[in-house]
Structure formats: structure tokens, C-alpha cells
């Protein structure tokens, strides 16, 4: 009897992690689209790169290497960021007690109540602003380096030292397995 209970608990745990990865990956992309829309930036580049972006985010969520996903706004050719939206990922211990499906169902949410109104207080972006997505990965997780993902390459972030920081706190709750906080570096 206990073997059957262990198997069911294990299946619920695996299902919860898979659901968390899918939910968080989809919500990260949705948040980027909302930011672009609210900030008056075209979303064509993001949409044209959706497969590559999703593959990277999904892969690094799966391996738990993803520390930050950054939407960096800048002027073409500039070494300075005009604005930066950082999503910071926190992972639950994969060995922690598995919650019931009912408990897990109640903790899937994306909190944008503070972000959208805050965007109306931001200074307008310089004309011709462009953006890119950059990720910050853990060097190792469980002794393994992050896997390579086709379409992604090494880069450095633009200087953001002159930008003010605003912490929105947690914006995505991924079933108690993956939580995502948001920070904005910008002018307002």
C-alpha cells in the first residue's frame, strides 16, 4: 500500500514541476509582450524570435539554470541601457514535500496589478528605442553547466548604473515550484 502512495506522490510531483515550467515560460513571454505594448515598442522582433526564446527559457527552467530573464531597452549603437526589466527566478527544493493537486491549483497566478499602472509614470523612451532579451544563468546546477541552446550566444549587458531601481516583488507564482520576481531599472 505505501508503494502505491509513493508512486502517486511522485507522479503528482513530476506533474507539478512540468506544469510549473510550462506556466512560467508562457507567463514570462506574456509579461514581455505587455511591457512592449505599454512602453510603445513593436513586438514583431519578440514574436519572430518566439521559438528560440521559448526554447531557451523552457530549457533553462527545466535544468534550473535560469537566474534572470532580462528585457533590455536601448538606443541602437549605445552602450547605455535606457530601461531594463529583470525577472528573477527562485526554485523550490525538488525534494520538498509534494503538495496535493488542490493546494497546487490555488497558487498559479501572475500579478500585474502594480506593474501596468507604474508604467504610466515612466518617462517616455527615446525615439528609435530597440530591445533584446538577455538571460543570466547559474554556472552550475547539481554539478552540471547550463546546456547550450541553439540561437543563443554570449553577450554582456549595457550599462545601467544611472538608472533607478524599482522592485515589484513576486509577479509570477508557478505552483509553489518556481517563483518570479520583477525589478525595473529606469527613469520616472
N, C-alpha and C. Protein backbone atom coordinates (compact mmCIF):
# COMPACT_ATOMS: atom_id res chain seq x y z
N UNK A 1 0.82 -1.20 0.00
CA UNK A 1 0.00 0.00 0.00
C UNK A 1 0.85 1.26 0.00
N UNK A 2 1.91 1.31 0.76
CA UNK A 2 2.73 2.52 0.79
C UNK A 2 3.46 2.73 -0.54
N UNK A 3 3.78 1.65 -1.26
CA UNK A 3 4.44 1.79 -2.55
C UNK A 3 3.53 2.52 -3.53
N UNK A 4 2.24 2.19 -3.51
CA UNK A 4 1.30 2.86 -4.39
C UNK A 4 1.21 4.34 -4.03
N UNK A 5 1.16 4.67 -2.74
CA UNK A 5 1.11 6.06 -2.32
C UNK A 5 2.37 6.81 -2.76
N UNK A 6 3.52 6.20 -2.65
CA UNK A 6 4.76 6.84 -3.08
C UNK A 6 4.72 7.12 -4.58
N UNK A 7 4.24 6.16 -5.35
CA UNK A 7 4.18 6.34 -6.79
C UNK A 7 3.24 7.49 -7.14
N UNK A 8 2.09 7.56 -6.52
CA UNK A 8 1.14 8.63 -6.78
C UNK A 8 1.75 9.97 -6.39
N UNK A 9 2.39 10.04 -5.22
CA UNK A 9 3.03 11.29 -4.79
C UNK A 9 4.11 11.70 -5.78
N UNK A 10 4.89 10.75 -6.28
CA UNK A 10 5.93 11.05 -7.26
C UNK A 10 5.34 11.57 -8.55
N UNK A 11 4.24 10.98 -9.00
CA UNK A 11 3.61 11.43 -10.22
C UNK A 11 3.04 12.85 -10.06
N UNK A 12 2.45 13.13 -8.91
CA UNK A 12 1.95 14.48 -8.66
C UNK A 12 3.11 15.46 -8.67
N UNK A 13 4.25 15.10 -8.05
CA UNK A 13 5.42 15.98 -8.01
C UNK A 13 5.97 16.26 -9.40
N UNK A 14 6.10 15.23 -10.23
CA UNK A 14 6.60 15.41 -11.59
C UNK A 14 5.62 16.25 -12.39
N UNK A 15 4.35 15.96 -12.24
CA UNK A 15 3.33 16.72 -12.96
C UNK A 15 3.38 18.19 -12.54
N UNK A 16 3.56 18.45 -11.25
CA UNK A 16 3.62 19.82 -10.75
C UNK A 16 4.80 20.57 -11.34
N UNK A 17 5.98 19.93 -11.39
CA UNK A 17 7.15 20.59 -11.98
C UNK A 17 6.93 20.87 -13.46
N UNK A 18 6.37 19.92 -14.18
CA UNK A 18 6.11 20.13 -15.62
C UNK A 18 5.12 21.26 -15.82
N UNK A 19 4.08 21.29 -15.00
CA UNK A 19 3.10 22.37 -15.09
C UNK A 19 3.74 23.71 -14.76
N UNK A 20 4.60 23.74 -13.75
CA UNK A 20 5.26 24.99 -13.34
C UNK A 20 6.14 25.52 -14.46
N UNK A 21 6.92 24.64 -15.08
CA UNK A 21 7.81 25.06 -16.16
C UNK A 21 7.00 25.64 -17.32
N UNK A 22 5.95 24.94 -17.73
CA UNK A 22 5.11 25.42 -18.83
C UNK A 22 4.44 26.75 -18.48
N UNK A 23 3.87 26.81 -17.29
CA UNK A 23 3.16 28.02 -16.87
C UNK A 23 4.11 29.22 -16.83
N UNK A 24 5.25 29.06 -16.16
CA UNK A 24 6.19 30.17 -16.00
C UNK A 24 6.75 30.60 -17.36
N UNK A 25 7.13 29.65 -18.21
CA UNK A 25 7.67 30.00 -19.53
C UNK A 25 6.64 30.81 -20.33
N UNK A 26 5.39 30.39 -20.31
CA UNK A 26 4.34 31.12 -21.04
C UNK A 26 4.09 32.50 -20.45
N UNK A 27 4.09 32.59 -19.12
CA UNK A 27 3.83 33.87 -18.47
C UNK A 27 4.98 34.85 -18.66
N UNK A 28 6.21 34.38 -18.68
CA UNK A 28 7.36 35.24 -18.94
C UNK A 28 7.18 35.91 -20.30
N UNK A 29 6.84 35.12 -21.30
CA UNK A 29 6.64 35.67 -22.65
C UNK A 29 5.47 36.66 -22.66
N UNK A 30 4.39 36.35 -21.96
CA UNK A 30 3.23 37.23 -21.90
C UNK A 30 3.59 38.56 -21.22
N UNK A 31 4.37 38.51 -20.15
CA UNK A 31 4.80 39.73 -19.46
C UNK A 31 5.65 40.58 -20.40
N UNK A 32 6.55 39.97 -21.15
CA UNK A 32 7.35 40.73 -22.11
C UNK A 32 6.44 41.44 -23.11
N UNK A 33 5.44 40.75 -23.62
CA UNK A 33 4.52 41.37 -24.59
C UNK A 33 3.78 42.56 -23.97
N UNK A 34 3.35 42.42 -22.73
CA UNK A 34 2.65 43.52 -22.05
C UNK A 34 3.58 44.72 -21.88
N UNK A 35 4.82 44.47 -21.48
CA UNK A 35 5.79 45.56 -21.32
C UNK A 35 5.99 46.28 -22.65
N UNK A 36 6.20 45.52 -23.71
CA UNK A 36 6.43 46.13 -25.02
C UNK A 36 5.24 46.99 -25.43
N UNK A 37 4.04 46.46 -25.25
CA UNK A 37 2.84 47.20 -25.62
C UNK A 37 2.73 48.48 -24.80
N UNK A 38 2.88 48.38 -23.48
CA UNK A 38 2.75 49.54 -22.61
C UNK A 38 3.83 50.59 -22.85
N UNK A 39 5.00 50.15 -23.27
CA UNK A 39 6.12 51.08 -23.48
C UNK A 39 6.20 51.57 -24.92
N UNK A 40 5.25 51.16 -25.77
CA UNK A 40 5.19 51.65 -27.15
C UNK A 40 6.25 51.05 -28.05
N UNK A 41 6.72 49.87 -27.72
CA UNK A 41 7.73 49.19 -28.54
C UNK A 41 7.06 48.12 -29.40
N UNK A 42 7.51 47.99 -30.62
CA UNK A 42 6.95 46.98 -31.53
C UNK A 42 7.27 45.58 -31.02
N UNK A 43 6.33 44.68 -31.17
CA UNK A 43 6.55 43.32 -30.67
C UNK A 43 6.98 42.34 -31.77
N UNK A 44 7.16 42.81 -33.00
CA UNK A 44 7.48 41.91 -34.11
C UNK A 44 8.77 41.12 -33.87
N UNK A 45 9.79 41.79 -33.33
CA UNK A 45 11.06 41.10 -33.08
C UNK A 45 10.86 39.97 -32.06
N UNK A 46 10.16 40.27 -30.98
CA UNK A 46 9.91 39.25 -29.96
C UNK A 46 9.12 38.08 -30.54
N UNK A 47 8.08 38.39 -31.32
CA UNK A 47 7.26 37.34 -31.90
C UNK A 47 8.03 36.52 -32.93
N UNK A 48 8.90 37.18 -33.70
CA UNK A 48 9.68 36.43 -34.71
C UNK A 48 10.71 35.52 -34.07
N UNK A 49 11.11 35.83 -32.84
CA UNK A 49 12.10 35.02 -32.12
C UNK A 49 11.46 34.11 -31.07
N UNK A 50 10.15 34.00 -31.10
CA UNK A 50 9.44 33.27 -30.04
C UNK A 50 9.94 31.84 -29.86
N UNK A 51 10.15 31.12 -30.93
CA UNK A 51 10.59 29.72 -30.81
C UNK A 51 11.94 29.63 -30.11
N UNK A 52 12.89 30.46 -30.51
CA UNK A 52 14.23 30.46 -29.90
C UNK A 52 14.14 30.89 -28.44
N UNK A 53 13.38 31.95 -28.17
CA UNK A 53 13.24 32.44 -26.79
C UNK A 53 12.58 31.40 -25.90
N UNK A 54 11.48 30.83 -26.37
CA UNK A 54 10.79 29.81 -25.57
C UNK A 54 11.66 28.59 -25.32
N UNK A 55 12.40 28.16 -26.33
CA UNK A 55 13.26 27.00 -26.16
C UNK A 55 14.32 27.26 -25.09
N UNK A 56 14.92 28.45 -25.11
CA UNK A 56 15.91 28.79 -24.10
C UNK A 56 15.31 28.87 -22.71
N UNK A 57 14.23 29.64 -22.57
CA UNK A 57 13.59 29.80 -21.26
C UNK A 57 13.13 28.45 -20.73
N UNK A 58 12.45 27.66 -21.56
CA UNK A 58 11.95 26.36 -21.14
C UNK A 58 13.10 25.44 -20.72
N UNK A 59 14.14 25.37 -21.54
CA UNK A 59 15.28 24.50 -21.25
C UNK A 59 15.93 24.87 -19.93
N UNK A 60 16.19 26.18 -19.72
CA UNK A 60 16.90 26.60 -18.52
C UNK A 60 16.02 26.60 -17.28
N UNK A 61 14.68 26.67 -17.45
CA UNK A 61 13.79 26.43 -16.31
C UNK A 61 13.83 24.95 -15.93
N UNK A 62 13.81 24.11 -16.94
CA UNK A 62 13.84 22.66 -16.71
C UNK A 62 15.10 22.25 -15.95
N UNK A 63 16.25 22.82 -16.33
CA UNK A 63 17.51 22.46 -15.67
C UNK A 63 17.78 23.33 -14.45
N UNK A 64 16.92 24.32 -14.21
CA UNK A 64 17.04 25.24 -13.07
C UNK A 64 18.26 26.16 -13.16
N UNK A 65 18.78 26.36 -14.36
CA UNK A 65 19.92 27.25 -14.55
C UNK A 65 19.51 28.72 -14.69
N UNK A 66 18.25 28.99 -15.04
CA UNK A 66 17.82 30.36 -15.31
C UNK A 66 17.75 31.17 -14.02
N UNK A 67 18.60 32.20 -13.91
CA UNK A 67 18.60 33.11 -12.77
C UNK A 67 17.75 34.34 -13.08
N UNK A 68 18.01 34.94 -14.24
CA UNK A 68 17.33 36.17 -14.65
C UNK A 68 17.01 36.12 -16.14
N UNK A 69 15.85 36.65 -16.48
CA UNK A 69 15.49 36.89 -17.88
C UNK A 69 15.28 38.40 -17.98
N UNK A 70 16.03 39.03 -18.85
CA UNK A 70 16.10 40.49 -18.88
C UNK A 70 15.63 41.02 -20.23
N UNK A 71 14.70 41.95 -20.18
CA UNK A 71 14.28 42.68 -21.36
C UNK A 71 15.01 44.02 -21.28
N UNK A 72 16.01 44.19 -22.14
CA UNK A 72 16.86 45.37 -22.11
C UNK A 72 16.48 46.30 -23.26
N UNK A 73 16.16 47.55 -22.91
CA UNK A 73 15.77 48.56 -23.89
C UNK A 73 16.93 49.55 -24.02
N UNK A 74 17.25 49.92 -25.27
CA UNK A 74 18.43 50.77 -25.50
C UNK A 74 18.29 51.46 -26.86
N UNK A 75 19.19 52.41 -27.10
CA UNK A 75 19.32 53.06 -28.41
C UNK A 75 20.34 52.27 -29.21
N UNK A 76 20.03 51.99 -30.44
CA UNK A 76 20.95 51.25 -31.31
C UNK A 76 22.34 51.89 -31.27
N UNK A 77 23.36 51.08 -31.04
CA UNK A 77 24.74 51.55 -31.00
C UNK A 77 25.18 52.09 -29.66
N UNK A 78 24.27 52.22 -28.71
CA UNK A 78 24.62 52.77 -27.41
C UNK A 78 25.08 51.67 -26.45
N UNK A 79 26.00 52.03 -25.56
CA UNK A 79 26.45 51.08 -24.53
C UNK A 79 25.65 51.27 -23.24
N UNK A 80 24.68 52.20 -23.27
CA UNK A 80 23.85 52.51 -22.10
C UNK A 80 22.45 51.92 -22.28
N UNK A 81 21.93 51.32 -21.22
CA UNK A 81 20.54 50.85 -21.24
C UNK A 81 19.63 52.05 -20.96
N UNK A 82 18.53 52.14 -21.69
CA UNK A 82 17.53 53.17 -21.42
C UNK A 82 16.57 52.68 -20.33
N UNK A 83 16.40 51.34 -20.28
CA UNK A 83 15.48 50.72 -19.34
C UNK A 83 15.79 49.24 -19.31
N UNK A 84 15.54 48.61 -18.16
CA UNK A 84 15.79 47.17 -18.06
C UNK A 84 14.74 46.54 -17.15
N UNK A 85 14.12 45.49 -17.64
CA UNK A 85 13.10 44.74 -16.89
C UNK A 85 13.70 43.37 -16.57
N UNK A 86 14.02 43.13 -15.31
CA UNK A 86 14.65 41.88 -14.88
C UNK A 86 13.63 40.99 -14.19
N UNK A 87 13.49 39.77 -14.68
CA UNK A 87 12.70 38.76 -13.98
C UNK A 87 13.69 37.83 -13.28
N UNK A 88 13.50 37.65 -11.97
CA UNK A 88 14.43 36.88 -11.14
C UNK A 88 13.72 35.61 -10.69
N UNK A 89 14.36 34.46 -10.94
CA UNK A 89 13.74 33.15 -10.73
C UNK A 89 14.24 32.52 -9.43
N UNK A 90 13.29 31.98 -8.67
CA UNK A 90 13.57 31.24 -7.45
C UNK A 90 12.89 29.88 -7.58
N UNK A 91 13.65 28.84 -7.27
CA UNK A 91 13.14 27.47 -7.42
C UNK A 91 12.96 26.82 -6.05
N UNK A 92 11.89 26.06 -5.92
CA UNK A 92 11.68 25.27 -4.71
C UNK A 92 12.64 24.09 -4.73
N UNK A 93 12.90 23.54 -3.59
CA UNK A 93 13.72 22.34 -3.48
C UNK A 93 12.95 21.19 -4.15
N UNK A 94 13.56 20.53 -5.15
CA UNK A 94 12.83 19.45 -5.84
C UNK A 94 12.52 18.27 -4.93
N UNK A 95 13.17 18.19 -3.79
CA UNK A 95 12.93 17.08 -2.86
C UNK A 95 11.95 17.43 -1.76
N UNK A 96 11.42 18.65 -1.79
CA UNK A 96 10.50 19.04 -0.73
C UNK A 96 9.19 18.26 -0.84
N UNK A 97 8.44 18.31 0.21
CA UNK A 97 7.16 17.60 0.29
C UNK A 97 6.28 17.97 -0.90
N UNK A 98 5.72 16.99 -1.55
CA UNK A 98 4.81 17.22 -2.68
C UNK A 98 3.47 17.67 -2.14
N UNK A 99 2.95 18.74 -2.67
CA UNK A 99 1.63 19.25 -2.27
C UNK A 99 0.55 18.51 -3.02
N UNK A 100 -0.64 18.56 -2.47
CA UNK A 100 -1.77 17.95 -3.16
C UNK A 100 -2.09 18.78 -4.39
N UNK A 101 -2.77 18.17 -5.36
CA UNK A 101 -3.14 18.90 -6.58
C UNK A 101 -4.06 20.07 -6.25
N UNK A 102 -4.92 19.93 -5.23
CA UNK A 102 -5.81 21.02 -4.84
C UNK A 102 -5.01 22.21 -4.33
N UNK A 103 -3.99 21.96 -3.50
CA UNK A 103 -3.14 23.04 -3.00
C UNK A 103 -2.41 23.74 -4.14
N UNK A 104 -1.87 22.95 -5.06
CA UNK A 104 -1.10 23.49 -6.18
C UNK A 104 -1.99 24.34 -7.08
N UNK A 105 -3.22 23.90 -7.32
CA UNK A 105 -4.13 24.64 -8.19
C UNK A 105 -4.39 26.05 -7.70
N UNK A 106 -4.25 26.28 -6.39
CA UNK A 106 -4.57 27.59 -5.83
C UNK A 106 -3.39 28.56 -5.88
N UNK A 107 -2.22 28.14 -6.35
CA UNK A 107 -1.06 29.02 -6.32
C UNK A 107 -0.44 29.23 -7.71
N UNK A 108 -1.28 29.35 -8.71
CA UNK A 108 -0.86 29.69 -10.08
C UNK A 108 -1.40 31.08 -10.35
N UNK A 109 -0.53 32.05 -10.39
CA UNK A 109 -1.03 33.40 -10.61
C UNK A 109 0.08 34.29 -11.13
N UNK A 110 -0.34 35.29 -11.92
CA UNK A 110 0.57 36.33 -12.38
C UNK A 110 0.00 37.65 -11.88
N UNK A 111 0.82 38.39 -11.17
CA UNK A 111 0.39 39.62 -10.51
C UNK A 111 0.93 40.82 -11.29
N UNK A 112 0.06 41.48 -12.03
CA UNK A 112 0.47 42.64 -12.82
C UNK A 112 -0.20 43.92 -12.33
N UNK A 113 -0.90 43.85 -11.20
CA UNK A 113 -1.66 45.00 -10.70
C UNK A 113 -0.79 46.22 -10.45
N UNK A 114 0.44 46.05 -10.00
CA UNK A 114 1.31 47.19 -9.73
C UNK A 114 2.10 47.61 -10.97
N UNK A 115 2.42 46.67 -11.82
CA UNK A 115 3.31 46.96 -12.94
C UNK A 115 2.66 47.85 -13.99
N UNK A 116 1.47 47.51 -14.45
CA UNK A 116 0.83 48.27 -15.53
C UNK A 116 0.59 49.72 -15.13
N UNK A 117 0.03 50.02 -13.95
CA UNK A 117 -0.13 51.44 -13.59
C UNK A 117 1.21 52.16 -13.41
N UNK A 118 2.22 51.46 -12.92
CA UNK A 118 3.54 52.07 -12.72
C UNK A 118 4.13 52.53 -14.05
N UNK A 119 3.85 51.78 -15.12
CA UNK A 119 4.39 52.14 -16.44
C UNK A 119 3.91 53.50 -16.91
N UNK A 120 2.74 53.93 -16.47
CA UNK A 120 2.23 55.23 -16.88
C UNK A 120 3.05 56.37 -16.27
N UNK A 121 3.80 56.09 -15.21
CA UNK A 121 4.64 57.11 -14.55
C UNK A 121 6.04 57.18 -15.14
N UNK A 122 6.39 56.24 -16.00
CA UNK A 122 7.74 56.21 -16.56
C UNK A 122 7.93 57.29 -17.61
N UNK A 123 9.15 57.80 -17.69
CA UNK A 123 9.50 58.74 -18.75
C UNK A 123 9.36 58.05 -20.09
N UNK A 124 9.02 58.81 -21.11
CA UNK A 124 8.92 58.23 -22.45
C UNK A 124 10.29 57.72 -22.88
N UNK A 125 10.28 56.63 -23.61
CA UNK A 125 11.53 56.10 -24.15
C UNK A 125 12.01 56.98 -25.29
N UNK A 126 13.33 57.08 -25.47
CA UNK A 126 13.85 57.86 -26.60
C UNK A 126 13.32 57.30 -27.93
N UNK A 127 13.06 58.16 -28.90
CA UNK A 127 12.61 57.68 -30.21
C UNK A 127 13.64 56.69 -30.78
N UNK A 128 13.14 55.67 -31.44
CA UNK A 128 14.03 54.68 -32.06
C UNK A 128 14.57 53.65 -31.08
N UNK A 129 14.01 53.58 -29.88
CA UNK A 129 14.48 52.58 -28.92
C UNK A 129 14.22 51.18 -29.44
N UNK A 130 15.14 50.29 -29.15
CA UNK A 130 15.02 48.88 -29.51
C UNK A 130 15.23 48.06 -28.24
N UNK A 131 15.06 46.76 -28.34
CA UNK A 131 15.19 45.91 -27.16
C UNK A 131 15.80 44.57 -27.56
N UNK A 132 16.22 43.85 -26.54
CA UNK A 132 16.69 42.48 -26.72
C UNK A 132 16.43 41.74 -25.42
N UNK A 133 16.41 40.41 -25.51
CA UNK A 133 16.27 39.55 -24.34
C UNK A 133 17.63 38.96 -24.03
N UNK A 134 18.03 39.07 -22.77
CA UNK A 134 19.29 38.52 -22.28
C UNK A 134 18.96 37.66 -21.07
N UNK A 135 19.65 36.54 -20.93
CA UNK A 135 19.46 35.71 -19.74
C UNK A 135 20.75 35.63 -18.95
N UNK A 136 20.59 35.49 -17.65
CA UNK A 136 21.70 35.26 -16.73
C UNK A 136 21.49 33.86 -16.17
N UNK A 137 22.49 33.01 -16.34
CA UNK A 137 22.37 31.61 -15.96
C UNK A 137 23.32 31.27 -14.81
N UNK A 138 22.91 30.32 -13.98
CA UNK A 138 23.80 29.78 -12.96
C UNK A 138 24.93 29.03 -13.68
N UNK A 139 26.16 29.14 -13.18
CA UNK A 139 27.30 28.44 -13.79
C UNK A 139 27.13 26.93 -13.72
N UNK A 140 26.55 26.46 -12.60
CA UNK A 140 26.33 25.02 -12.41
C UNK A 140 25.07 24.82 -11.58
N UNK A 141 24.38 23.73 -11.87
CA UNK A 141 23.27 23.26 -11.05
C UNK A 141 23.47 21.76 -10.93
N UNK A 142 23.55 21.28 -9.70
CA UNK A 142 23.79 19.86 -9.43
C UNK A 142 25.05 19.38 -10.18
N UNK A 143 26.07 20.26 -10.22
CA UNK A 143 27.33 19.89 -10.84
C UNK A 143 27.34 19.95 -12.36
N UNK A 144 26.25 20.41 -12.96
CA UNK A 144 26.15 20.45 -14.42
C UNK A 144 26.13 21.90 -14.92
N UNK A 145 26.88 22.20 -15.98
CA UNK A 145 26.81 23.54 -16.57
C UNK A 145 25.49 23.68 -17.34
N UNK A 146 25.10 24.91 -17.64
CA UNK A 146 23.86 25.08 -18.40
C UNK A 146 24.00 24.50 -19.81
N UNK A 147 22.95 23.86 -20.30
CA UNK A 147 23.02 23.33 -21.66
C UNK A 147 23.03 24.46 -22.69
N UNK A 148 23.71 24.21 -23.78
CA UNK A 148 23.70 25.15 -24.91
C UNK A 148 22.33 25.07 -25.57
N UNK A 149 21.83 26.21 -26.03
CA UNK A 149 20.56 26.25 -26.74
C UNK A 149 20.80 26.99 -28.05
N UNK A 150 20.44 26.34 -29.15
CA UNK A 150 20.64 26.93 -30.48
C UNK A 150 19.94 28.28 -30.58
N UNK A 151 20.64 29.26 -31.13
CA UNK A 151 20.08 30.59 -31.31
C UNK A 151 20.48 31.57 -30.22
N UNK A 152 21.08 31.07 -29.14
CA UNK A 152 21.52 31.92 -28.04
C UNK A 152 23.04 32.03 -28.07
N UNK A 153 23.57 33.20 -27.73
CA UNK A 153 25.02 33.38 -27.69
C UNK A 153 25.39 34.27 -26.50
N UNK A 154 26.65 34.27 -26.15
CA UNK A 154 27.15 35.08 -25.03
C UNK A 154 27.10 36.56 -25.37
N UNK A 155 26.85 37.37 -24.36
CA UNK A 155 26.83 38.82 -24.52
C UNK A 155 27.05 39.45 -23.15
N UNK A 156 27.13 40.75 -23.13
CA UNK A 156 27.18 41.49 -21.88
C UNK A 156 26.05 42.51 -21.90
N UNK A 157 25.58 42.83 -20.71
CA UNK A 157 24.51 43.82 -20.60
C UNK A 157 25.06 45.23 -20.79
N UNK A 158 24.22 46.10 -21.24
CA UNK A 158 24.58 47.51 -21.35
C UNK A 158 24.63 48.13 -19.95
N UNK A 159 25.34 49.23 -19.83
CA UNK A 159 25.49 49.92 -18.56
C UNK A 159 24.13 50.43 -18.09
N UNK A 160 23.78 50.12 -16.84
CA UNK A 160 22.52 50.57 -16.27
C UNK A 160 22.76 51.32 -14.96
N UNK A 161 23.98 51.78 -14.73
CA UNK A 161 24.34 52.42 -13.45
C UNK A 161 23.57 53.70 -13.17
N UNK A 162 23.14 54.43 -14.19
CA UNK A 162 22.43 55.69 -13.98
C UNK A 162 20.92 55.51 -13.85
N UNK A 163 20.45 54.28 -13.89
CA UNK A 163 19.02 54.03 -13.83
C UNK A 163 18.57 53.78 -12.39
N UNK A 164 17.35 54.21 -12.08
CA UNK A 164 16.76 53.97 -10.76
C UNK A 164 16.18 52.56 -10.73
N UNK A 165 16.20 51.96 -9.55
CA UNK A 165 15.68 50.60 -9.39
C UNK A 165 14.33 50.63 -8.68
N UNK A 166 13.38 49.89 -9.23
CA UNK A 166 12.09 49.68 -8.57
C UNK A 166 11.84 48.18 -8.49
N UNK A 167 11.57 47.70 -7.29
CA UNK A 167 11.33 46.28 -7.06
C UNK A 167 9.82 46.04 -6.97
N UNK A 168 9.29 45.23 -7.88
CA UNK A 168 7.86 44.90 -7.87
C UNK A 168 7.55 43.70 -7.00
N UNK A 169 8.57 42.98 -6.55
CA UNK A 169 8.34 41.76 -5.80
C UNK A 169 7.91 40.64 -6.72
N UNK A 170 7.26 39.65 -6.15
CA UNK A 170 6.85 38.48 -6.93
C UNK A 170 5.76 38.85 -7.92
N UNK A 171 5.96 38.44 -9.18
CA UNK A 171 4.92 38.70 -10.19
C UNK A 171 4.33 37.41 -10.75
N UNK A 172 5.07 36.29 -10.64
CA UNK A 172 4.56 35.02 -11.15
C UNK A 172 4.74 33.97 -10.05
N UNK A 173 3.66 33.25 -9.77
CA UNK A 173 3.70 32.13 -8.84
C UNK A 173 3.43 30.87 -9.63
N UNK A 174 4.46 30.05 -9.78
CA UNK A 174 4.38 28.84 -10.58
C UNK A 174 4.15 27.59 -9.75
N UNK A 175 2.99 27.48 -9.16
CA UNK A 175 2.61 26.26 -8.46
C UNK A 175 3.45 25.93 -7.24
N UNK A 176 4.08 26.94 -6.65
CA UNK A 176 4.93 26.70 -5.49
C UNK A 176 6.27 26.08 -5.85
N UNK A 177 6.54 25.91 -7.14
CA UNK A 177 7.80 25.31 -7.59
C UNK A 177 8.76 26.35 -8.15
N UNK A 178 8.24 27.33 -8.87
CA UNK A 178 9.07 28.39 -9.45
C UNK A 178 8.35 29.72 -9.21
N UNK A 179 9.04 30.64 -8.56
CA UNK A 179 8.51 31.98 -8.36
C UNK A 179 9.38 32.96 -9.13
N UNK A 180 8.74 34.01 -9.62
CA UNK A 180 9.45 35.02 -10.42
C UNK A 180 9.16 36.40 -9.84
N UNK A 181 10.24 37.11 -9.50
CA UNK A 181 10.14 38.49 -9.05
C UNK A 181 10.53 39.40 -10.21
N UNK A 182 10.17 40.69 -10.10
CA UNK A 182 10.47 41.64 -11.17
C UNK A 182 11.12 42.88 -10.59
N UNK A 183 12.17 43.33 -11.26
CA UNK A 183 12.81 44.62 -10.96
C UNK A 183 12.85 45.43 -12.24
N UNK A 184 12.66 46.72 -12.09
CA UNK A 184 12.77 47.65 -13.21
C UNK A 184 13.93 48.59 -12.92
N UNK A 185 14.80 48.76 -13.89
CA UNK A 185 15.81 49.82 -13.85
C UNK A 185 15.41 50.81 -14.93
N UNK A 186 15.12 52.05 -14.52
CA UNK A 186 14.65 53.02 -15.49
C UNK A 186 14.62 54.43 -14.94
N UNK A 187 13.87 55.31 -15.61
CA UNK A 187 13.69 56.71 -15.20
C UNK A 187 12.21 56.96 -15.01
N UNK A 188 11.88 57.68 -13.94
CA UNK A 188 10.49 58.10 -13.71
C UNK A 188 10.45 59.35 -12.88
